[in-house]
């Protein structure tokens, strides 16, 4: 996958840097060894007696005049070569920088591609998940709340109905009581009163005869 590719590229980059550092250190050590070897004859000349040194220099000056121009030319070329070789890993450093930039660009491109893919895929995943899970979630929710919802709805409806019908019911009951009051209360009282009067009349009649 993309993460593995990035890890492989970074590992290759780290290995390349380590190799280049090793080569640079090796070349530095070789250059120091060559400079040490070149300095040995000079140190030998410094340690030689003046007579021997004069004889050697006198012997060498015979050919030195013939090679002045050649040595001057070689010196110029040598200085130019040293200037070019003073940084032997310059081109490798440039290549490494280019490789590093390419790795960063590749990583950014891969990251953007993955991000775009995720952004394009997440809504579809969420939609499919909701389609699969919504019936079950609704079932669980209604299982616990539907009973209470129905109960509260019925209670509210009954309360509203009672509140609306109660004045009419009270008025109807009061009217019925007023209409039936003579039959329910006064008529039995009149009946008892008549019976009592008859009883008293009979007692008075028997008392008068006796």
C-alpha atoms as a PDB file:
ATOM      1  CA  UNK A   1       0.000   0.000   0.000  1.00  0.00           C
ATOM      2  CA  UNK A   2       0.974   3.678   0.023  1.00  0.00           C
ATOM      3  CA  UNK A   3       2.406   3.642   3.545  1.00  0.00           C
ATOM      4  CA  UNK A   4       4.689   0.733   2.649  1.00  0.00           C
ATOM      5  CA  UNK A   5       5.893   2.543  -0.475  1.00  0.00           C
ATOM      6  CA  UNK A   6       6.719   5.658   1.562  1.00  0.00           C
ATOM      7  CA  UNK A   7       8.591   3.573   4.153  1.00  0.00           C
ATOM      8  CA  UNK A   8      10.591   1.809   1.402  1.00  0.00           C
ATOM      9  CA  UNK A   9      11.524   5.133  -0.237  1.00  0.00           C
ATOM     10  CA  UNK A  10      12.582   6.649   3.097  1.00  0.00           C
ATOM     11  CA  UNK A  11      14.637   3.549   3.928  1.00  0.00           C
ATOM     12  CA  UNK A  12      16.339   3.775   0.525  1.00  0.00           C
ATOM     13  CA  UNK A  13      16.988   7.466   1.114  1.00  0.00           C
ATOM     14  CA  UNK A  14      18.535   6.793   4.554  1.00  0.00           C
ATOM     15  CA  UNK A  15      20.704   4.006   3.126  1.00  0.00           C
ATOM     16  CA  UNK A  16      21.850   6.281   0.288  1.00  0.00           C
ATOM     17  CA  UNK A  17      22.803   9.029   2.738  1.00  0.00           C
ATOM     18  CA  UNK A  18      24.759   6.561   4.879  1.00  0.00           C
ATOM     19  CA  UNK A  19      26.599   5.223   1.819  1.00  0.00           C
ATOM     20  CA  UNK A  20      27.488   8.706   0.611  1.00  0.00           C
ATOM     21  CA  UNK A  21      28.775   9.711   4.049  1.00  0.00           C
ATOM     22  CA  UNK A  22      30.899   6.557   4.168  1.00  0.00           C
ATOM     23  CA  UNK A  23      32.333   7.291   0.701  1.00  0.00           C
ATOM     24  CA  UNK A  24      33.035  10.890   1.687  1.00  0.00           C
ATOM     25  CA  UNK A  25      34.831   9.835   4.869  1.00  0.00           C
ATOM     26  CA  UNK A  26      36.836   7.219   2.953  1.00  0.00           C
ATOM     27  CA  UNK A  27      37.890   9.764   0.321  1.00  0.00           C
ATOM     28  CA  UNK A  28      38.873  12.223   3.064  1.00  0.00           C
ATOM     29  CA  UNK A  29      41.035   9.580   4.755  1.00  0.00           C
ATOM     30  CA  UNK A  30      42.655   8.662   1.403  1.00  0.00           C
ATOM     31  CA  UNK A  31      43.394  12.320   0.684  1.00  0.00           C
ATOM     32  CA  UNK A  32      44.972  12.744   4.127  1.00  0.00           C
ATOM     33  CA  UNK A  33      47.093   9.634   3.544  1.00  0.00           C
ATOM     34  CA  UNK A  34      48.264  10.992   0.165  1.00  0.00           C
ATOM     35  CA  UNK A  35      49.135  14.353   1.695  1.00  0.00           C
ATOM     36  CA  UNK A  36      51.057  12.532   4.437  1.00  0.00           C
ATOM     37  CA  UNK A  37      52.970  10.528   1.844  1.00  0.00           C
ATOM     38  CA  UNK A  38      53.766  13.678  -0.131  1.00  0.00           C
ATOM     39  CA  UNK A  39      55.028  15.482   2.981  1.00  0.00           C
ATOM     40  CA  UNK A  40      57.502  12.708   3.831  1.00  0.00           C
ATOM     41  CA  UNK A  41      60.078  13.669   1.104  1.00  0.00           C
ATOM     42  CA  UNK A  42      59.840  17.303   2.189  1.00  0.00           C
ATOM     43  CA  UNK A  43      60.527  16.349   5.793  1.00  0.00           C
ATOM     44  CA  UNK A  44      63.439  14.238   4.563  1.00  0.00           C
ATOM     45  CA  UNK A  45      64.830  17.227   2.697  1.00  0.00           C
ATOM     46  CA  UNK A  46      64.522  19.413   5.782  1.00  0.00           C
ATOM     47  CA  UNK A  47      66.492  16.838   7.795  1.00  0.00           C
ATOM     48  CA  UNK A  48      69.319  16.540   5.209  1.00  0.00           C
ATOM     49  CA  UNK A  49      72.616  18.511   5.626  1.00  0.00           C
ATOM     50  CA  UNK A  50      72.971  21.788   3.743  1.00  0.00           C
ATOM     51  CA  UNK A  51      75.758  20.451   1.477  1.00  0.00           C
ATOM     52  CA  UNK A  52      73.720  17.469   0.348  1.00  0.00           C
ATOM     53  CA  UNK A  53      70.681  19.660  -0.124  1.00  0.00           C
ATOM     54  CA  UNK A  54      72.674  22.130  -2.193  1.00  0.00           C
ATOM     55  CA  UNK A  55      74.071  19.363  -4.349  1.00  0.00           C
ATOM     56  CA  UNK A  56      70.618  17.929  -4.972  1.00  0.00           C
ATOM     57  CA  UNK A  57      69.116  21.290  -5.764  1.00  0.00           C
ATOM     58  CA  UNK A  58      72.037  22.093  -8.033  1.00  0.00           C
ATOM     59  CA  UNK A  59      71.584  18.811  -9.829  1.00  0.00           C
ATOM     60  CA  UNK A  60      67.892  19.298 -10.212  1.00  0.00           C
ATOM     61  CA  UNK A  61      68.138  22.858 -11.488  1.00  0.00           C
ATOM     62  CA  UNK A  62      69.601  21.598 -14.727  1.00  0.00           C
ATOM     63  CA  UNK A  63      66.271  20.136 -15.735  1.00  0.00           C
ATOM     64  CA  UNK A  64      64.147  22.609 -13.888  1.00  0.00           C
ATOM     65  CA  UNK A  65      64.716  25.343 -16.443  1.00  0.00           C
ATOM     66  CA  UNK A  66      63.450  23.140 -19.229  1.00  0.00           C
ATOM     67  CA  UNK A  67      60.297  22.220 -17.390  1.00  0.00           C
ATOM     68  CA  UNK A  68      59.270  25.594 -15.976  1.00  0.00           C
ATOM     69  CA  UNK A  69      56.618  26.241 -18.567  1.00  0.00           C
ATOM     70  CA  UNK A  70      55.325  22.676 -18.385  1.00  0.00           C
ATOM     71  CA  UNK A  71      55.180  22.760 -14.594  1.00  0.00           C
ATOM     72  CA  UNK A  72      53.379  26.115 -14.729  1.00  0.00           C
ATOM     73  CA  UNK A  73      50.803  24.677 -17.082  1.00  0.00           C
ATOM     74  CA  UNK A  74      50.444  21.555 -14.976  1.00  0.00           C
ATOM     75  CA  UNK A  75      50.100  23.716 -11.873  1.00  0.00           C
ATOM     76  CA  UNK A  76      47.222  25.623 -13.454  1.00  0.00           C
ATOM     77  CA  UNK A  77      45.505  22.401 -14.476  1.00  0.00           C
ATOM     78  CA  UNK A  78      46.175  20.894 -11.077  1.00  0.00           C
ATOM     79  CA  UNK A  79      44.672  23.902  -9.280  1.00  0.00           C
ATOM     80  CA  UNK A  80      41.645  23.719 -11.535  1.00  0.00           C
ATOM     81  CA  UNK A  81      41.340  19.983 -10.881  1.00  0.00           C
ATOM     82  CA  UNK A  82      41.665  20.553  -7.130  1.00  0.00           C
ATOM     83  CA  UNK A  83      38.963  23.177  -7.318  1.00  0.00           C
ATOM     84  CA  UNK A  84      36.713  20.714  -9.123  1.00  0.00           C
ATOM     85  CA  UNK A  85      37.710  17.871  -6.818  1.00  0.00           C
ATOM     86  CA  UNK A  86      37.501  19.843  -3.568  1.00  0.00           C
ATOM     87  CA  UNK A  87      33.920  18.631  -3.266  1.00  0.00           C
ATOM     88  CA  UNK A  88      33.884  15.194  -4.950  1.00  0.00           C
ATOM     89  CA  UNK A  89      30.381  14.486  -3.664  1.00  0.00           C
ATOM     90  CA  UNK A  90      28.866  17.722  -4.951  1.00  0.00           C
ATOM     91  CA  UNK A  91      26.952  16.093  -7.777  1.00  0.00           C
ATOM     92  CA  UNK A  92      25.852  13.304  -5.457  1.00  0.00           C
ATOM     93  CA  UNK A  93      24.615  15.900  -2.990  1.00  0.00           C
ATOM     94  CA  UNK A  94      22.604  17.542  -5.756  1.00  0.00           C
ATOM     95  CA  UNK A  95      21.189  14.172  -6.800  1.00  0.00           C
ATOM     96  CA  UNK A  96      20.354  13.438  -3.183  1.00  0.00           C
ATOM     97  CA  UNK A  97      18.564  16.770  -2.835  1.00  0.00           C
ATOM     98  CA  UNK A  98      16.594  16.067  -6.001  1.00  0.00           C
ATOM     99  CA  UNK A  99      15.733  12.600  -4.708  1.00  0.00           C
ATOM    100  CA  UNK A 100      14.650  14.086  -1.375  1.00  0.00           C
ATOM    101  CA  UNK A 101      12.410  16.605  -3.143  1.00  0.00           C
ATOM    102  CA  UNK A 102      10.923  13.882  -5.317  1.00  0.00           C
ATOM    103  CA  UNK A 103      10.227  11.767  -2.221  1.00  0.00           C
ATOM    104  CA  UNK A 104       8.495  14.708  -0.541  1.00  0.00           C
ATOM    105  CA  UNK A 105       6.460  15.387  -3.675  1.00  0.00           C
ATOM    106  CA  UNK A 106       5.538  11.708  -3.944  1.00  0.00           C
ATOM    107  CA  UNK A 107       4.572  11.590  -0.272  1.00  0.00           C
ATOM    108  CA  UNK A 108       2.436  14.726  -0.637  1.00  0.00           C
ATOM    109  CA  UNK A 109       0.808  13.336  -3.772  1.00  0.00           C
ATOM    110  CA  UNK A 110       0.075   9.996  -2.112  1.00  0.00           C
ATOM    111  CA  UNK A 111      -1.275  11.716   0.998  1.00  0.00           C
ATOM    112  CA  UNK A 112      -3.541  13.925  -1.105  1.00  0.00           C
ATOM    113  CA  UNK A 113      -4.714  10.934  -3.126  1.00  0.00           C
ATOM    114  CA  UNK A 114      -5.497   8.960   0.024  1.00  0.00           C
ATOM    115  CA  UNK A 115      -7.260  11.961   1.567  1.00  0.00           C
ATOM    116  CA  UNK A 116      -9.359  12.494  -1.563  1.00  0.00           C
ATOM    117  CA  UNK A 117     -10.210   8.792  -1.672  1.00  0.00           C
ATOM    118  CA  UNK A 118     -11.261   8.831   1.980  1.00  0.00           C
ATOM    119  CA  UNK A 119     -13.365  11.959   1.496  1.00  0.00           C
ATOM    120  CA  UNK A 120     -15.052  10.366  -1.501  1.00  0.00           C
ATOM    121  CA  UNK A 121     -15.588   7.032   0.241  1.00  0.00           C
ATOM    122  CA  UNK A 122     -16.681   8.085   3.746  1.00  0.00           C
ATOM    123  CA  UNK A 123     -20.135   9.459   2.759  1.00  0.00           C
ATOM    124  CA  UNK A 124     -20.945   6.256   0.901  1.00  0.00           C
ATOM    125  CA  UNK A 125     -19.763   4.139   3.845  1.00  0.00           C
ATOM    126  CA  UNK A 126     -21.832   6.197   6.287  1.00  0.00           C
ATOM    127  CA  UNK A 127     -24.900   5.978   4.052  1.00  0.00           C
ATOM    128  CA  UNK A 128     -24.613   2.210   3.648  1.00  0.00           C
ATOM    129  CA  UNK A 129     -24.023   1.760   7.376  1.00  0.00           C
ATOM    130  CA  UNK A 130     -27.091   3.819   8.227  1.00  0.00           C
ATOM    131  CA  UNK A 131     -29.158   1.839   5.751  1.00  0.00           C
ATOM    132  CA  UNK A 132     -28.064  -1.404   7.393  1.00  0.00           C
ATOM    133  CA  UNK A 133     -28.256  -0.255  11.015  1.00  0.00           C
ATOM    134  CA  UNK A 134     -31.230   2.143  10.940  1.00  0.00           C
ATOM    135  CA  UNK A 135     -34.008  -0.502  11.177  1.00  0.00           C
ATOM    136  CA  UNK A 136     -32.308  -2.190  14.119  1.00  0.00           C
ATOM    137  CA  UNK A 137     -31.694   1.117  15.875  1.00  0.00           C
ATOM    138  CA  UNK A 138     -35.294   2.179  15.352  1.00  0.00           C
ATOM    139  CA  UNK A 139     -36.507  -1.183  16.642  1.00  0.00           C
ATOM    140  CA  UNK A 140     -34.478  -0.856  19.839  1.00  0.00           C
ATOM    141  CA  UNK A 141     -35.576   2.738  20.316  1.00  0.00           C
ATOM    142  CA  UNK A 142     -39.264   2.037  19.746  1.00  0.00           C
ATOM    143  CA  UNK A 143     -39.159  -1.065  21.925  1.00  0.00           C
ATOM    144  CA  UNK A 144     -38.424   1.027  24.998  1.00  0.00           C
ATOM    145  CA  UNK A 145     -40.158   4.274  24.126  1.00  0.00           C
ATOM    146  CA  UNK A 146     -43.186   3.245  22.077  1.00  0.00           C
ATOM    147  CA  UNK A 147     -45.098   1.933  25.113  1.00  0.00           C
ATOM    148  CA  UNK A 148     -44.458   5.098  27.087  1.00  0.00           C
ATOM    149  CA  UNK A 149     -45.264   7.223  24.064  1.00  0.00           C
ATOM    150  CA  UNK A 150     -48.625   5.517  23.546  1.00  0.00           C
ATOM    151  CA  UNK A 151     -49.444   5.699  27.262  1.00  0.00           C
ATOM    152  CA  UNK A 152     -48.641   9.386  27.462  1.00  0.00           C
ATOM    153  CA  UNK A 153     -50.584  10.072  24.269  1.00  0.00           C
ATOM    154  CA  UNK A 154     -53.693   8.284  25.557  1.00  0.00           C
ATOM    155  CA  UNK A 155     -53.438   9.988  28.928  1.00  0.00           C
ATOM    156  CA  UNK A 156     -53.091  13.369  27.288  1.00  0.00           C
ATOM    157  CA  UNK A 157     -56.015  12.710  24.942  1.00  0.00           C
ATOM    158  CA  UNK A 158     -58.266  11.523  27.781  1.00  0.00           C
ATOM    159  CA  UNK A 159     -57.327  14.501  29.935  1.00  0.00           C
ATOM    160  CA  UNK A 160     -58.078  16.888  27.110  1.00  0.00           C
ATOM    161  CA  UNK A 161     -61.395  15.159  26.396  1.00  0.00           C
ATOM    162  CA  UNK A 162     -62.393  15.239  30.060  1.00  0.00           C
ATOM    163  CA  UNK A 163     -61.428  18.881  30.358  1.00  0.00           C
ATOM    164  CA  UNK A 164     -63.541  19.692  27.315  1.00  0.00           C
ATOM    165  CA  UNK A 165     -66.566  17.570  28.318  1.00  0.00           C
ATOM    166  CA  UNK A 166     -66.556  18.166  32.074  1.00  0.00           C
ATOM    167  CA  UNK A 167     -68.484  21.479  32.057  1.00  0.00           C
ATOM    168  CA  UNK A 168     -71.171  19.987  29.853  1.00  0.00           C
ATOM    169  CA  UNK A 169     -71.372  16.875  32.016  1.00  0.00           C
ATOM    170  CA  UNK A 170     -71.661  18.927  35.201  1.00  0.00           C
ATOM    171  CA  UNK A 171     -74.398  21.059  33.674  1.00  0.00           C
ATOM    172  CA  UNK A 172     -76.285  17.967  32.527  1.00  0.00           C
ATOM    173  CA  UNK A 173     -76.001  16.317  35.963  1.00  0.00           C
ATOM    174  CA  UNK A 174     -77.196  19.460  37.709  1.00  0.00           C
ATOM    175  CA  UNK A 175     -80.136  19.740  35.362  1.00  0.00           C
ATOM    176  CA  UNK A 176     -81.064  16.100  35.897  1.00  0.00           C
ATOM    177  CA  UNK A 177     -80.900  16.536  39.672  1.00  0.00           C
ATOM    178  CA  UNK A 178     -83.133  19.574  39.489  1.00  0.00           C
ATOM    179  CA  UNK A 179     -85.592  17.733  37.277  1.00  0.00           C
ATOM    180  CA  UNK A 180     -85.658  14.598  39.425  1.00  0.00           C
ATOM    181  CA  UNK A 181     -85.500  16.319  42.815  1.00  0.00           C
ATOM    182  CA  UNK A 182     -89.293  16.234  43.360  1.00  0.00           C
ATOM    183  CA  UNK A 183     -89.475  12.584  42.516  1.00  0.00           C
ATOM    184  CA  UNK A 184     -86.368  11.685  44.457  1.00  0.00           C
ATOM    185  CA  UNK A 185     -86.888  13.748  47.607  1.00  0.00           C
ATOM    186  CA  UNK A 186     -90.162  15.656  47.858  1.00  0.00           C
ATOM    187  CA  UNK A 187     -92.540  12.919  46.734  1.00  0.00           C
ATOM    188  CA  UNK A 188     -91.369  10.392  49.376  1.00  0.00           C
ATOM    189  CA  UNK A 189     -91.600  13.140  52.015  1.00  0.00           C
ATOM    190  CA  UNK A 190     -95.149  13.949  50.994  1.00  0.00           C
ATOM    191  CA  UNK A 191     -96.045  10.284  51.080  1.00  0.00           C
ATOM    192  CA  UNK A 192     -94.676   9.870  54.592  1.00  0.00           C
ATOM    193  CA  UNK A 193     -96.404  13.021  55.723  1.00  0.00           C
ATOM    194  CA  UNK A 194     -99.763  11.780  54.373  1.00  0.00           C
ATOM    195  CA  UNK A 195     -99.330   8.443  56.139  1.00  0.00           C
ATOM    196  CA  UNK A 196     -98.537  10.227  59.389  1.00  0.00           C
ATOM    197  CA  UNK A 197    -101.631  12.418  59.047  1.00  0.00           C
ATOM    198  CA  UNK A 198    -103.825   9.380  58.456  1.00  0.00           C
ATOM    199  CA  UNK A 199    -102.417   7.683  61.517  1.00  0.00           C
ATOM    200  CA  UNK A 200    -103.027  10.710  63.690  1.00  0.00           C
ATOM    201  CA  UNK A 201    -106.554  11.053  62.364  1.00  0.00           C
ATOM    202  CA  UNK A 202    -107.332   7.459  63.246  1.00  0.00           C
ATOM    203  CA  UNK A 203    -105.922   7.822  66.745  1.00  0.00           C
ATOM    204  CA  UNK A 204    -107.923  10.988  67.302  1.00  0.00           C
ATOM    205  CA  UNK A 205    -111.071   9.237  66.057  1.00  0.00           C
ATOM    206  CA  UNK A 206    -110.605   6.236  68.398  1.00  0.00           C
ATOM    207  CA  UNK A 207    -109.783   8.513  71.293  1.00  0.00           C
ATOM    208  CA  UNK A 208    -112.939  10.561  70.699  1.00  0.00           C
ATOM    209  CA  UNK A 209    -115.188   7.457  70.573  1.00  0.00           C
ATOM    210  CA  UNK A 210    -113.807   6.132  73.770  1.00  0.00           C
END
